[in-house]
Amino acid sequence: MTLPVRGLVAAALLFAADQLSKWAVTGPLGIDHLGAAREVTGFFALRFVPNIGVSLGLLPADGDGTRWALVAMTGAIALGVAIWMTREKKPADQIALGLVLGGALGNILDRVRFGYVVDFADLHFGEWRPFLVFNVADAAITIGVVLLLLRALLVRDTQSTAGQPSSSAESPHA
C-alpha cells in the first residue's frame, strides 16, 4: 500500500483552511453569537449559525448523548473515507476524497470542541437563499462528492488499477 500523498495533503490543507476561516470569523471579526452578521456584498454575508445537526439540519444533536453519537457516526464515515483514499489509485479521486476527509475532520473538531459546527457563509440573492448557511468544510465535502460522482459517471477508465489493459480489451496475441 502506498500513501495517498495528494489526498492527505488536500485533507490537511482543507482542514487548516476550514479552521482558520472559522477562527477569523468568530475571533477577529467578532461574528460569534446568534444574530451576529456582516454583509460582505449584495449576495454574500458572514452570519454566525451554530449547526447542531448534520447536513440540512437533519439529526439534531441537542443533548450530550446525541452530540457524541453524531461525533462517532461522522468519525466512522471519515475513517471509511480515509480507508477508501488509501486504496484509491487515481490521483484525482484521492484529492476529491481528501477534500471530503478534511472537511469531515474540520466539522468533527467543531462538534467536539463546541457541541455544534460553526457555519458562517451566507450566499443569497436578495431574500432568496438557495443554500443554508455553510462553512469551508461543508463546501469542500460537497465539491469532493460532486467530483467523485462526475468522475464515476463521465470518466472512462481504460486501464486496470495494475496498469494493465482491462480484461475486456482484446489481446493482440489471441
C-alpha atoms as a PDB file:
ATOM      1  CA  MET A   1       0.000   0.000   0.000  1.00  0.00           C
ATOM      2  CA  THR A   2       1.355   3.417  -0.927  1.00  0.00           C
ATOM      3  CA  LEU A   3       0.323   6.518   0.936  1.00  0.00           C
ATOM      4  CA  PRO A   4      -2.118   8.723  -0.986  1.00  0.00           C
ATOM      5  CA  VAL A   5       0.075  11.808  -0.552  1.00  0.00           C
ATOM      6  CA  ARG A   6      -2.085  14.049  -2.756  1.00  0.00           C
ATOM      7  CA  GLY A   7      -5.208  13.143  -0.804  1.00  0.00           C
ATOM      8  CA  LEU A   8      -3.520  13.583   2.565  1.00  0.00           C
ATOM      9  CA  VAL A   9      -2.145  16.986   1.533  1.00  0.00           C
ATOM     10  CA  ALA A  10      -5.592  18.038   0.275  1.00  0.00           C
ATOM     11  CA  ALA A  11      -7.159  16.895   3.560  1.00  0.00           C
ATOM     12  CA  ALA A  12      -4.571  18.721   5.683  1.00  0.00           C
ATOM     13  CA  LEU A  13      -4.796  21.956   3.671  1.00  0.00           C
ATOM     14  CA  LEU A  14      -8.572  21.884   3.701  1.00  0.00           C
ATOM     15  CA  PHE A  15      -8.699  21.184   7.434  1.00  0.00           C
ATOM     16  CA  ALA A  16      -6.347  24.120   8.088  1.00  0.00           C
ATOM     17  CA  ALA A  17      -8.307  26.471   5.795  1.00  0.00           C
ATOM     18  CA  ASP A  18     -11.572  25.465   7.463  1.00  0.00           C
ATOM     19  CA  GLN A  19     -10.321  26.014  10.995  1.00  0.00           C
ATOM     20  CA  LEU A  20      -8.557  29.266  10.058  1.00  0.00           C
ATOM     21  CA  SER A  21     -11.700  30.658   8.405  1.00  0.00           C
ATOM     22  CA  LYS A  22     -13.859  29.743  11.414  1.00  0.00           C
ATOM     23  CA  TRP A  23     -11.336  31.351  13.761  1.00  0.00           C
ATOM     24  CA  ALA A  24     -11.185  34.532  11.646  1.00  0.00           C
ATOM     25  CA  VAL A  25     -14.960  34.875  11.524  1.00  0.00           C
ATOM     26  CA  THR A  26     -15.620  34.139  15.190  1.00  0.00           C
ATOM     27  CA  GLY A  27     -12.419  35.749  16.546  1.00  0.00           C
ATOM     28  CA  PRO A  28     -11.100  38.909  14.902  1.00  0.00           C
ATOM     29  CA  LEU A  29     -14.337  39.651  13.029  1.00  0.00           C
ATOM     30  CA  GLY A  30     -16.415  39.071  16.177  1.00  0.00           C
ATOM     31  CA  ILE A  31     -19.211  37.169  14.436  1.00  0.00           C
ATOM     32  CA  ASP A  32     -19.550  34.731  17.294  1.00  0.00           C
ATOM     33  CA  HIS A  33     -23.134  34.712  18.553  1.00  0.00           C
ATOM     34  CA  LEU A  34     -26.559  34.014  17.121  1.00  0.00           C
ATOM     35  CA  GLY A  35     -27.740  37.028  15.146  1.00  0.00           C
ATOM     36  CA  ALA A  36     -24.227  38.357  14.509  1.00  0.00           C
ATOM     37  CA  ALA A  37     -23.691  39.103  10.813  1.00  0.00           C
ATOM     38  CA  ARG A  38     -21.708  41.248   8.420  1.00  0.00           C
ATOM     39  CA  GLU A  39     -22.819  41.940   4.860  1.00  0.00           C
ATOM     40  CA  VAL A  40     -19.815  41.497   2.529  1.00  0.00           C
ATOM     41  CA  THR A  41     -21.519  42.010  -0.830  1.00  0.00           C
ATOM     42  CA  GLY A  42     -25.095  42.245  -2.037  1.00  0.00           C
ATOM     43  CA  PHE A  43     -25.170  38.446  -2.318  1.00  0.00           C
ATOM     44  CA  PHE A  44     -22.816  37.227   0.404  1.00  0.00           C
ATOM     45  CA  ALA A  45     -22.780  37.761   4.144  1.00  0.00           C
ATOM     46  CA  LEU A  46     -20.920  36.339   7.108  1.00  0.00           C
ATOM     47  CA  ARG A  47     -23.547  35.131   9.560  1.00  0.00           C
ATOM     48  CA  PHE A  48     -22.954  33.037  12.695  1.00  0.00           C
ATOM     49  CA  VAL A  49     -25.086  29.902  12.786  1.00  0.00           C
ATOM     50  CA  PRO A  50     -24.347  27.119  15.296  1.00  0.00           C
ATOM     51  CA  ASN A  51     -25.330  23.917  13.463  1.00  0.00           C
ATOM     52  CA  ILE A  52     -26.248  21.188  15.949  1.00  0.00           C
ATOM     53  CA  GLY A  53     -27.335  18.768  13.213  1.00  0.00           C
ATOM     54  CA  VAL A  54     -25.812  17.285  10.116  1.00  0.00           C
ATOM     55  CA  SER A  55     -26.477  18.309   6.535  1.00  0.00           C
ATOM     56  CA  LEU A  56     -29.645  20.389   6.149  1.00  0.00           C
ATOM     57  CA  GLY A  57     -30.036  20.429   9.928  1.00  0.00           C
ATOM     58  CA  LEU A  58     -31.007  16.751   9.989  1.00  0.00           C
ATOM     59  CA  LEU A  59     -30.352  14.609  13.063  1.00  0.00           C
ATOM     60  CA  PRO A  60     -30.139  17.470  15.562  1.00  0.00           C
ATOM     61  CA  ALA A  61     -27.751  16.724  18.412  1.00  0.00           C
ATOM     62  CA  ASP A  62     -29.389  18.772  21.146  1.00  0.00           C
ATOM     63  CA  GLY A  63     -28.021  16.772  24.069  1.00  0.00           C
ATOM     64  CA  ASP A  64     -24.726  15.209  25.109  1.00  0.00           C
ATOM     65  CA  GLY A  65     -25.773  11.703  24.081  1.00  0.00           C
ATOM     66  CA  THR A  66     -26.821  12.672  20.581  1.00  0.00           C
ATOM     67  CA  ARG A  67     -23.828  15.010  20.226  1.00  0.00           C
ATOM     68  CA  TRP A  68     -21.341  12.211  20.908  1.00  0.00           C
ATOM     69  CA  ALA A  69     -23.345   9.737  18.820  1.00  0.00           C
ATOM     70  CA  LEU A  70     -23.078  12.203  15.932  1.00  0.00           C
ATOM     71  CA  VAL A  71     -19.320  12.561  16.546  1.00  0.00           C
ATOM     72  CA  ALA A  72     -18.990   8.765  16.486  1.00  0.00           C
ATOM     73  CA  MET A  73     -21.101   8.409  13.335  1.00  0.00           C
ATOM     74  CA  THR A  74     -19.265  11.132  11.408  1.00  0.00           C
ATOM     75  CA  GLY A  75     -15.950   9.803  12.718  1.00  0.00           C
ATOM     76  CA  ALA A  76     -16.785   6.351  11.357  1.00  0.00           C
ATOM     77  CA  ILE A  77     -17.655   7.891   7.987  1.00  0.00           C
ATOM     78  CA  ALA A  78     -14.379   9.855   7.989  1.00  0.00           C
ATOM     79  CA  LEU A  79     -12.488   6.639   8.786  1.00  0.00           C
ATOM     80  CA  GLY A  80     -14.230   4.916   5.866  1.00  0.00           C
ATOM     81  CA  VAL A  81     -13.258   7.786   3.558  1.00  0.00           C
ATOM     82  CA  ALA A  82      -9.644   7.588   4.801  1.00  0.00           C
ATOM     83  CA  ILE A  83      -9.509   3.835   4.125  1.00  0.00           C
ATOM     84  CA  TRP A  84     -11.027   4.348   0.664  1.00  0.00           C
ATOM     85  CA  MET A  85      -8.426   7.038  -0.030  1.00  0.00           C
ATOM     86  CA  THR A  86      -5.550   4.653   0.869  1.00  0.00           C
ATOM     87  CA  ARG A  87      -6.904   2.132  -1.632  1.00  0.00           C
ATOM     88  CA  GLU A  88      -7.656   4.628  -4.389  1.00  0.00           C
ATOM     89  CA  LYS A  89      -5.101   4.634  -7.225  1.00  0.00           C
ATOM     90  CA  LYS A  90      -6.371   7.620  -9.206  1.00  0.00           C
ATOM     91  CA  PRO A  91      -4.770  10.894  -8.036  1.00  0.00           C
ATOM     92  CA  ALA A  92      -7.850  12.998  -8.857  1.00  0.00           C
ATOM     93  CA  ASP A  93     -10.053  10.708  -6.776  1.00  0.00           C
ATOM     94  CA  GLN A  94      -7.512  10.787  -3.923  1.00  0.00           C
ATOM     95  CA  ILE A  95      -7.728  14.592  -3.938  1.00  0.00           C
ATOM     96  CA  ALA A  96     -11.544  14.525  -4.008  1.00  0.00           C
ATOM     97  CA  LEU A  97     -11.531  12.092  -1.083  1.00  0.00           C
ATOM     98  CA  GLY A  98      -9.026  14.361   0.680  1.00  0.00           C
ATOM     99  CA  LEU A  99     -11.492  17.249   0.371  1.00  0.00           C
ATOM    100  CA  VAL A 100     -14.216  15.104   1.923  1.00  0.00           C
ATOM    101  CA  LEU A 101     -11.916  13.862   4.686  1.00  0.00           C
ATOM    102  CA  GLY A 102     -10.505  17.299   5.558  1.00  0.00           C
ATOM    103  CA  GLY A 103     -13.998  18.792   5.653  1.00  0.00           C
ATOM    104  CA  ALA A 104     -15.331  15.986   7.805  1.00  0.00           C
ATOM    105  CA  LEU A 105     -12.458  16.328  10.273  1.00  0.00           C
ATOM    106  CA  GLY A 106     -12.950  20.101  10.494  1.00  0.00           C
ATOM    107  CA  ASN A 107     -16.623  19.708  11.334  1.00  0.00           C
ATOM    108  CA  ILE A 108     -15.923  16.864  13.776  1.00  0.00           C
ATOM    109  CA  LEU A 109     -13.411  19.043  15.645  1.00  0.00           C
ATOM    110  CA  ASP A 110     -16.024  21.801  15.949  1.00  0.00           C
ATOM    111  CA  ARG A 111     -18.587  19.386  17.329  1.00  0.00           C
ATOM    112  CA  VAL A 112     -16.086  18.014  19.855  1.00  0.00           C
ATOM    113  CA  ARG A 113     -14.928  21.497  20.947  1.00  0.00           C
ATOM    114  CA  PHE A 114     -18.217  23.410  20.907  1.00  0.00           C
ATOM    115  CA  GLY A 115     -21.056  20.902  20.659  1.00  0.00           C
ATOM    116  CA  TYR A 116     -22.013  22.334  17.249  1.00  0.00           C
ATOM    117  CA  VAL A 117     -20.458  23.107  13.879  1.00  0.00           C
ATOM    118  CA  VAL A 118     -19.644  26.756  13.156  1.00  0.00           C
ATOM    119  CA  ASP A 119     -21.413  27.812   9.939  1.00  0.00           C
ATOM    120  CA  PHE A 120     -20.954  31.332   8.617  1.00  0.00           C
ATOM    121  CA  ALA A 121     -21.123  31.623   4.802  1.00  0.00           C
ATOM    122  CA  ASP A 122     -24.489  33.022   3.704  1.00  0.00           C
ATOM    123  CA  LEU A 123     -24.876  33.101  -0.077  1.00  0.00           C
ATOM    124  CA  HIS A 124     -28.091  34.855  -1.045  1.00  0.00           C
ATOM    125  CA  PHE A 125     -29.736  36.786  -3.842  1.00  0.00           C
ATOM    126  CA  GLY A 126     -31.988  39.366  -2.249  1.00  0.00           C
ATOM    127  CA  GLU A 127     -34.169  37.387   0.133  1.00  0.00           C
ATOM    128  CA  TRP A 128     -33.720  34.158  -1.850  1.00  0.00           C
ATOM    129  CA  ARG A 129     -31.257  31.830  -0.164  1.00  0.00           C
ATOM    130  CA  PRO A 130     -30.557  28.811  -2.371  1.00  0.00           C
ATOM    131  CA  PHE A 131     -28.232  27.323   0.253  1.00  0.00           C
ATOM    132  CA  LEU A 132     -28.283  27.045   4.002  1.00  0.00           C
ATOM    133  CA  VAL A 133     -25.530  28.911   5.825  1.00  0.00           C
ATOM    134  CA  PHE A 134     -22.401  26.774   5.434  1.00  0.00           C
ATOM    135  CA  ASN A 135     -18.643  26.755   6.040  1.00  0.00           C
ATOM    136  CA  VAL A 136     -15.437  25.876   4.162  1.00  0.00           C
ATOM    137  CA  ALA A 137     -15.641  22.238   5.294  1.00  0.00           C
ATOM    138  CA  ASP A 138     -19.212  21.877   4.011  1.00  0.00           C
ATOM    139  CA  ALA A 139     -18.236  23.362   0.646  1.00  0.00           C
ATOM    140  CA  ALA A 140     -15.228  21.023   0.352  1.00  0.00           C
ATOM    141  CA  ILE A 141     -17.285  17.943   1.227  1.00  0.00           C
ATOM    142  CA  THR A 142     -19.840  18.904  -1.426  1.00  0.00           C
ATOM    143  CA  ILE A 143     -17.181  19.616  -4.064  1.00  0.00           C
ATOM    144  CA  GLY A 144     -15.352  16.367  -3.274  1.00  0.00           C
ATOM    145  CA  VAL A 145     -18.530  14.278  -3.550  1.00  0.00           C
ATOM    146  CA  VAL A 146     -19.565  16.005  -6.795  1.00  0.00           C
ATOM    147  CA  LEU A 147     -16.092  15.401  -8.278  1.00  0.00           C
ATOM    148  CA  LEU A 148     -16.254  11.712  -7.329  1.00  0.00           C
ATOM    149  CA  LEU A 149     -19.722  11.375  -8.856  1.00  0.00           C
ATOM    150  CA  LEU A 150     -18.775  13.186 -12.055  1.00  0.00           C
ATOM    151  CA  ARG A 151     -15.631  11.114 -12.473  1.00  0.00           C
ATOM    152  CA  ALA A 152     -17.566   7.897 -11.819  1.00  0.00           C
ATOM    153  CA  LEU A 153     -20.236   8.835 -14.352  1.00  0.00           C
ATOM    154  CA  LEU A 154     -18.211  10.592 -17.041  1.00  0.00           C
ATOM    155  CA  VAL A 155     -14.605   9.357 -16.992  1.00  0.00           C
ATOM    156  CA  ARG A 156     -13.973   6.005 -18.569  1.00  0.00           C
ATOM    157  CA  ASP A 157     -11.021   4.075 -17.202  1.00  0.00           C
ATOM    158  CA  THR A 158      -9.143   2.297 -19.974  1.00  0.00           C
ATOM    159  CA  GLN A 159      -6.526   0.819 -17.675  1.00  0.00           C
ATOM    160  CA  SER A 160      -6.985  -1.508 -14.742  1.00  0.00           C
ATOM    161  CA  THR A 161      -5.551  -0.442 -11.394  1.00  0.00           C
ATOM    162  CA  ALA A 162      -2.440  -2.554 -12.028  1.00  0.00           C
ATOM    163  CA  GLY A 163      -1.659  -0.523 -15.154  1.00  0.00           C
ATOM    164  CA  GLN A 164      -2.548  -3.380 -17.486  1.00  0.00           C
ATOM    165  CA  PRO A 165      -5.310  -3.181 -20.093  1.00  0.00           C
ATOM    166  CA  SER A 166      -8.650  -4.159 -18.634  1.00  0.00           C
ATOM    167  CA  SER A 167      -9.726  -7.769 -19.094  1.00  0.00           C
ATOM    168  CA  SER A 168     -12.396  -6.755 -21.584  1.00  0.00           C
ATOM    169  CA  ALA A 169      -9.744  -5.471 -24.019  1.00  0.00           C
ATOM    170  CA  GLU A 170      -8.788  -7.734 -26.887  1.00  0.00           C
ATOM    171  CA  SER A 171      -5.416  -9.386 -26.546  1.00  0.00           C
ATOM    172  CA  PRO A 172      -3.185  -8.869 -29.597  1.00  0.00           C
ATOM    173  CA  HIS A 173      -1.826 -12.412 -29.057  1.00  0.00           C
ATOM    174  CA  ALA A 174      -5.174 -14.212 -29.103  1.00  0.00           C
END
